[in-house]
Amino acid sequence: MATREIEQDRWKDYFNHFSAVMGAEQVEIEVAGLDVGDQVEAEWMPLAGISYDPKDDMVIVDAGDVLQHTVRKPRKVYVNEDDNGIHSMDIECAQGHRHILKFKAPLALPEAD
């Protein structure tokens, strides 16, 4: 797997494209920082999309009606990917926290008999 940084001037288009082409993904959201420790905010919830609002300088992770996770004043966005797709994102905010998004596709259930 390779990790690459997404430049700030590409965030809006990158997240819009990601949200448009993602499949039925699930997301786990973890926040880590010296002052907050390591906390899981959401465990494998359906991901509705990710967007960047340049006016308010925030990344919004939308888990549908259940949760909206906001990263205020993001400073860096890293994507961990390989030939199979994106496995995780790491978003650093101005407070020095890391907002780690892990992705997985939901398990396909066999058809009922």
N, C-alpha and C. Protein backbone atom coordinates (compact mmCIF):
# COMPACT_ATOMS: atom_id res chain seq x y z
N MET A 1 0.83 -1.18 0.00
CA MET A 1 0.00 0.00 0.00
C MET A 1 0.87 1.24 0.00
N ALA A 2 0.36 2.27 -0.62
CA ALA A 2 1.09 3.54 -0.69
C ALA A 2 0.26 4.64 -0.05
N THR A 3 0.94 5.53 0.62
CA THR A 3 0.28 6.69 1.21
C THR A 3 0.69 7.92 0.43
N ARG A 4 -0.31 8.73 0.08
CA ARG A 4 0.01 9.97 -0.63
C ARG A 4 -0.80 11.12 -0.03
N GLU A 5 -0.24 12.31 -0.14
CA GLU A 5 -0.91 13.50 0.36
C GLU A 5 -1.74 14.12 -0.75
N ILE A 6 -2.95 14.54 -0.40
CA ILE A 6 -3.81 15.27 -1.33
C ILE A 6 -3.61 16.75 -1.03
N GLU A 7 -3.21 17.50 -2.03
CA GLU A 7 -2.94 18.93 -1.84
C GLU A 7 -4.25 19.68 -1.56
N GLN A 8 -4.17 20.72 -0.75
CA GLN A 8 -5.35 21.44 -0.29
C GLN A 8 -6.19 22.02 -1.43
N ASP A 9 -5.55 22.47 -2.49
CA ASP A 9 -6.32 23.05 -3.60
C ASP A 9 -7.13 21.99 -4.36
N ARG A 10 -6.92 20.70 -4.05
CA ARG A 10 -7.66 19.61 -4.70
C ARG A 10 -8.70 18.97 -3.78
N TRP A 11 -8.77 19.37 -2.51
CA TRP A 11 -9.65 18.71 -1.56
C TRP A 11 -11.10 18.68 -2.00
N LYS A 12 -11.64 19.80 -2.39
CA LYS A 12 -13.07 19.87 -2.76
C LYS A 12 -13.38 18.89 -3.90
N ASP A 13 -12.60 18.96 -4.99
CA ASP A 13 -12.83 18.07 -6.13
C ASP A 13 -12.56 16.62 -5.77
N TYR A 14 -11.51 16.37 -4.98
CA TYR A 14 -11.17 15.00 -4.61
C TYR A 14 -12.30 14.35 -3.82
N PHE A 15 -12.80 15.03 -2.79
CA PHE A 15 -13.87 14.47 -1.97
C PHE A 15 -15.17 14.35 -2.75
N ASN A 16 -15.46 15.29 -3.63
CA ASN A 16 -16.66 15.19 -4.48
C ASN A 16 -16.57 13.96 -5.38
N HIS A 17 -15.40 13.75 -5.98
CA HIS A 17 -15.21 12.59 -6.85
C HIS A 17 -15.29 11.29 -6.04
N PHE A 18 -14.62 11.27 -4.89
CA PHE A 18 -14.66 10.09 -4.03
C PHE A 18 -16.11 9.73 -3.69
N SER A 19 -16.90 10.71 -3.29
CA SER A 19 -18.28 10.47 -2.90
C SER A 19 -19.14 10.00 -4.07
N ALA A 20 -18.83 10.48 -5.27
CA ALA A 20 -19.61 10.11 -6.46
C ALA A 20 -19.33 8.68 -6.91
N VAL A 21 -18.10 8.20 -6.73
CA VAL A 21 -17.75 6.88 -7.27
C VAL A 21 -17.66 5.78 -6.23
N MET A 22 -17.74 6.13 -4.94
CA MET A 22 -17.61 5.08 -3.93
C MET A 22 -18.80 4.15 -4.00
N GLY A 23 -18.55 2.93 -3.66
CA GLY A 23 -19.62 1.94 -3.63
C GLY A 23 -20.34 2.00 -2.29
N ALA A 24 -20.88 0.89 -1.89
CA ALA A 24 -21.57 0.80 -0.60
C ALA A 24 -20.50 0.59 0.48
N GLU A 25 -19.83 1.66 0.82
CA GLU A 25 -18.74 1.59 1.79
C GLU A 25 -19.25 1.77 3.21
N GLN A 26 -18.50 1.21 4.13
CA GLN A 26 -18.71 1.45 5.54
C GLN A 26 -17.47 2.16 6.05
N VAL A 27 -17.64 2.96 7.12
CA VAL A 27 -16.54 3.75 7.63
C VAL A 27 -16.41 3.56 9.14
N GLU A 28 -15.16 3.51 9.58
CA GLU A 28 -14.85 3.58 11.01
C GLU A 28 -14.11 4.90 11.19
N ILE A 29 -14.50 5.68 12.18
CA ILE A 29 -13.89 6.99 12.42
C ILE A 29 -13.21 6.97 13.78
N GLU A 30 -11.92 7.29 13.75
CA GLU A 30 -11.11 7.31 14.96
C GLU A 30 -10.47 8.69 15.08
N VAL A 31 -10.41 9.23 16.28
CA VAL A 31 -9.75 10.51 16.52
C VAL A 31 -8.63 10.26 17.52
N ALA A 32 -7.42 10.73 17.17
CA ALA A 32 -6.26 10.51 18.03
C ALA A 32 -5.52 11.83 18.24
N GLY A 33 -5.07 12.06 19.46
CA GLY A 33 -4.31 13.25 19.78
C GLY A 33 -3.76 13.15 21.19
N LEU A 34 -2.70 13.87 21.48
CA LEU A 34 -2.10 13.82 22.80
C LEU A 34 -3.09 14.23 23.89
N ASP A 35 -3.94 15.21 23.61
CA ASP A 35 -4.87 15.70 24.62
C ASP A 35 -6.18 14.92 24.70
N VAL A 36 -6.48 14.10 23.70
CA VAL A 36 -7.74 13.35 23.71
C VAL A 36 -7.54 11.84 23.72
N GLY A 37 -6.31 11.39 23.60
CA GLY A 37 -6.05 9.96 23.52
C GLY A 37 -6.43 9.42 22.15
N ASP A 38 -6.90 8.18 22.14
CA ASP A 38 -7.29 7.50 20.91
C ASP A 38 -8.73 7.04 21.09
N GLN A 39 -9.66 7.66 20.36
CA GLN A 39 -11.08 7.38 20.55
C GLN A 39 -11.74 6.98 19.24
N VAL A 40 -12.54 5.92 19.29
CA VAL A 40 -13.33 5.52 18.13
C VAL A 40 -14.68 6.23 18.24
N GLU A 41 -14.98 7.07 17.26
CA GLU A 41 -16.24 7.80 17.26
C GLU A 41 -17.36 7.01 16.59
N ALA A 42 -17.00 6.22 15.58
CA ALA A 42 -18.01 5.44 14.86
C ALA A 42 -17.38 4.13 14.42
N GLU A 43 -18.13 3.03 14.60
CA GLU A 43 -17.65 1.72 14.17
C GLU A 43 -18.50 1.20 13.02
N TRP A 44 -17.92 1.14 11.87
CA TRP A 44 -18.49 0.54 10.66
C TRP A 44 -19.93 0.95 10.40
N MET A 45 -20.06 2.23 10.13
CA MET A 45 -21.35 2.81 9.76
C MET A 45 -21.40 3.02 8.25
N PRO A 46 -22.60 3.00 7.65
CA PRO A 46 -22.69 3.27 6.21
C PRO A 46 -22.21 4.69 5.90
N LEU A 47 -21.37 4.81 4.92
CA LEU A 47 -20.81 6.11 4.52
C LEU A 47 -21.64 6.70 3.40
N ALA A 48 -22.21 7.90 3.64
CA ALA A 48 -23.00 8.57 2.62
C ALA A 48 -22.14 9.47 1.74
N GLY A 49 -21.00 9.95 2.27
CA GLY A 49 -20.13 10.80 1.48
C GLY A 49 -19.18 11.61 2.35
N ILE A 50 -18.21 12.23 1.69
CA ILE A 50 -17.25 13.12 2.34
C ILE A 50 -17.18 14.38 1.49
N SER A 51 -17.17 15.54 2.15
CA SER A 51 -17.08 16.79 1.41
C SER A 51 -16.15 17.77 2.13
N TYR A 52 -15.67 18.74 1.36
CA TYR A 52 -14.85 19.81 1.92
C TYR A 52 -15.55 21.14 1.64
N ASP A 53 -15.74 21.92 2.68
CA ASP A 53 -16.35 23.25 2.57
C ASP A 53 -15.24 24.28 2.73
N PRO A 54 -14.74 24.87 1.62
CA PRO A 54 -13.64 25.82 1.73
C PRO A 54 -14.03 27.12 2.43
N LYS A 55 -15.30 27.50 2.35
CA LYS A 55 -15.75 28.74 2.99
C LYS A 55 -15.59 28.65 4.51
N ASP A 56 -16.04 27.53 5.09
CA ASP A 56 -15.94 27.34 6.54
C ASP A 56 -14.70 26.54 6.93
N ASP A 57 -13.90 26.13 5.93
CA ASP A 57 -12.67 25.36 6.13
C ASP A 57 -12.91 24.14 7.02
N MET A 58 -13.73 23.21 6.48
CA MET A 58 -14.00 21.98 7.22
C MET A 58 -14.28 20.82 6.27
N VAL A 59 -13.89 19.64 6.73
CA VAL A 59 -14.22 18.39 6.05
C VAL A 59 -15.38 17.76 6.81
N ILE A 60 -16.40 17.32 6.08
CA ILE A 60 -17.57 16.70 6.69
C ILE A 60 -17.66 15.26 6.21
N VAL A 61 -17.67 14.33 7.16
CA VAL A 61 -17.85 12.92 6.88
C VAL A 61 -19.29 12.59 7.23
N ASP A 62 -20.06 12.22 6.23
CA ASP A 62 -21.50 12.01 6.39
C ASP A 62 -21.82 10.52 6.46
N ALA A 63 -22.29 10.10 7.64
CA ALA A 63 -22.72 8.71 7.81
C ALA A 63 -24.25 8.67 7.86
N GLY A 64 -24.86 9.37 6.92
CA GLY A 64 -26.31 9.37 6.78
C GLY A 64 -27.01 10.05 7.93
N ASP A 65 -28.13 9.46 8.36
CA ASP A 65 -28.92 10.04 9.44
C ASP A 65 -28.29 9.81 10.81
N VAL A 66 -27.26 8.99 10.86
CA VAL A 66 -26.69 8.57 12.14
C VAL A 66 -25.66 9.56 12.67
N LEU A 67 -24.75 10.04 11.81
CA LEU A 67 -23.63 10.83 12.30
C LEU A 67 -23.07 11.72 11.20
N GLN A 68 -22.68 12.93 11.58
CA GLN A 68 -21.87 13.79 10.72
C GLN A 68 -20.64 14.16 11.53
N HIS A 69 -19.49 13.70 11.08
CA HIS A 69 -18.24 13.99 11.75
C HIS A 69 -17.59 15.17 11.03
N THR A 70 -17.24 16.20 11.79
CA THR A 70 -16.66 17.41 11.21
C THR A 70 -15.21 17.57 11.64
N VAL A 71 -14.35 17.83 10.66
CA VAL A 71 -12.94 18.14 10.93
C VAL A 71 -12.77 19.62 10.61
N ARG A 72 -12.65 20.42 11.65
CA ARG A 72 -12.50 21.87 11.47
C ARG A 72 -11.04 22.23 11.23
N LYS A 73 -10.84 23.15 10.31
CA LYS A 73 -9.51 23.65 9.95
C LYS A 73 -8.51 22.52 9.66
N PRO A 74 -8.84 21.67 8.67
CA PRO A 74 -7.90 20.60 8.31
C PRO A 74 -6.60 21.18 7.75
N ARG A 75 -5.51 20.52 8.02
CA ARG A 75 -4.20 20.99 7.55
C ARG A 75 -3.57 20.05 6.53
N LYS A 76 -3.79 18.77 6.68
CA LYS A 76 -3.21 17.77 5.77
C LYS A 76 -4.23 16.65 5.57
N VAL A 77 -4.24 16.09 4.36
CA VAL A 77 -5.07 14.93 4.05
C VAL A 77 -4.17 13.89 3.39
N TYR A 78 -4.13 12.71 3.99
CA TYR A 78 -3.35 11.59 3.45
C TYR A 78 -4.30 10.46 3.10
N VAL A 79 -4.02 9.77 2.00
CA VAL A 79 -4.84 8.66 1.55
C VAL A 79 -3.95 7.43 1.45
N ASN A 80 -4.41 6.32 2.02
CA ASN A 80 -3.70 5.06 1.95
C ASN A 80 -4.42 4.18 0.94
N GLU A 81 -3.76 3.86 -0.16
CA GLU A 81 -4.43 3.14 -1.26
C GLU A 81 -3.50 2.14 -1.91
N ASP A 82 -4.13 1.23 -2.66
CA ASP A 82 -3.40 0.29 -3.49
C ASP A 82 -4.24 0.01 -4.73
N ASP A 83 -3.90 -1.03 -5.47
CA ASP A 83 -4.62 -1.34 -6.71
C ASP A 83 -6.10 -1.67 -6.48
N ASN A 84 -6.43 -2.08 -5.26
CA ASN A 84 -7.83 -2.43 -4.94
C ASN A 84 -8.66 -1.23 -4.51
N GLY A 85 -8.02 -0.08 -4.29
CA GLY A 85 -8.76 1.12 -3.90
C GLY A 85 -8.21 1.79 -2.67
N ILE A 86 -9.03 2.64 -2.08
CA ILE A 86 -8.64 3.41 -0.90
C ILE A 86 -9.03 2.63 0.36
N HIS A 87 -8.06 2.46 1.24
CA HIS A 87 -8.31 1.71 2.47
C HIS A 87 -8.54 2.63 3.66
N SER A 88 -7.90 3.81 3.64
CA SER A 88 -8.07 4.73 4.76
C SER A 88 -7.67 6.14 4.36
N MET A 89 -8.12 7.10 5.17
CA MET A 89 -7.72 8.51 5.04
C MET A 89 -7.29 8.98 6.42
N ASP A 90 -6.32 9.86 6.44
CA ASP A 90 -5.84 10.45 7.69
C ASP A 90 -5.88 11.96 7.50
N ILE A 91 -6.73 12.62 8.27
CA ILE A 91 -6.89 14.07 8.14
C ILE A 91 -6.38 14.72 9.42
N GLU A 92 -5.39 15.58 9.29
CA GLU A 92 -4.84 16.30 10.43
C GLU A 92 -5.52 17.66 10.54
N CYS A 93 -5.93 18.02 11.76
CA CYS A 93 -6.57 19.32 11.95
C CYS A 93 -5.63 20.28 12.69
N ALA A 94 -6.02 21.54 12.78
CA ALA A 94 -5.19 22.58 13.39
C ALA A 94 -4.90 22.31 14.86
N GLN A 95 -5.75 21.52 15.53
CA GLN A 95 -5.52 21.19 16.94
C GLN A 95 -4.49 20.09 17.12
N GLY A 96 -4.00 19.55 16.01
CA GLY A 96 -3.02 18.47 16.09
C GLY A 96 -3.64 17.09 16.21
N HIS A 97 -4.96 16.99 16.05
CA HIS A 97 -5.63 15.70 16.10
C HIS A 97 -5.58 15.03 14.73
N ARG A 98 -5.54 13.71 14.74
CA ARG A 98 -5.63 12.92 13.52
C ARG A 98 -7.01 12.29 13.48
N HIS A 99 -7.72 12.52 12.39
CA HIS A 99 -9.04 11.94 12.16
C HIS A 99 -8.83 10.84 11.14
N ILE A 100 -8.89 9.60 11.60
CA ILE A 100 -8.55 8.45 10.77
C ILE A 100 -9.84 7.78 10.32
N LEU A 101 -10.02 7.71 9.01
CA LEU A 101 -11.20 7.08 8.41
C LEU A 101 -10.75 5.78 7.77
N LYS A 102 -11.32 4.67 8.22
CA LYS A 102 -11.01 3.36 7.62
C LYS A 102 -12.25 2.91 6.86
N PHE A 103 -12.02 2.33 5.68
CA PHE A 103 -13.13 1.94 4.82
C PHE A 103 -13.14 0.44 4.59
N LYS A 104 -14.35 -0.10 4.46
CA LYS A 104 -14.51 -1.49 4.01
C LYS A 104 -15.87 -1.62 3.35
N ALA A 105 -15.92 -2.51 2.40
CA ALA A 105 -17.21 -2.76 1.74
C ALA A 105 -18.02 -3.70 2.64
N PRO A 106 -19.32 -3.54 2.70
CA PRO A 106 -20.14 -4.44 3.52
C PRO A 106 -20.11 -5.85 2.95
N LEU A 107 -20.29 -6.82 3.82
CA LEU A 107 -20.32 -8.22 3.38
C LEU A 107 -21.58 -8.46 2.57
N ALA A 108 -21.42 -9.14 1.44
CA ALA A 108 -22.57 -9.50 0.61
C ALA A 108 -23.23 -10.73 1.23
N LEU A 109 -24.54 -10.68 1.41
CA LEU A 109 -25.27 -11.82 1.96
C LEU A 109 -25.78 -12.71 0.84
N PRO A 110 -25.76 -14.01 1.07
CA PRO A 110 -26.31 -14.91 0.03
C PRO A 110 -27.83 -14.71 -0.07
N GLU A 111 -28.37 -15.00 -1.24
CA GLU A 111 -29.80 -14.85 -1.43
C GLU A 111 -30.56 -15.86 -0.56
N ALA A 112 -31.72 -15.44 -0.08
CA ALA A 112 -32.55 -16.31 0.76
C ALA A 112 -33.10 -17.45 -0.08
N ASP A 113 -33.22 -18.63 0.54
CA ASP A 113 -33.78 -19.79 -0.16
C ASP A 113 -35.27 -19.72 -0.28
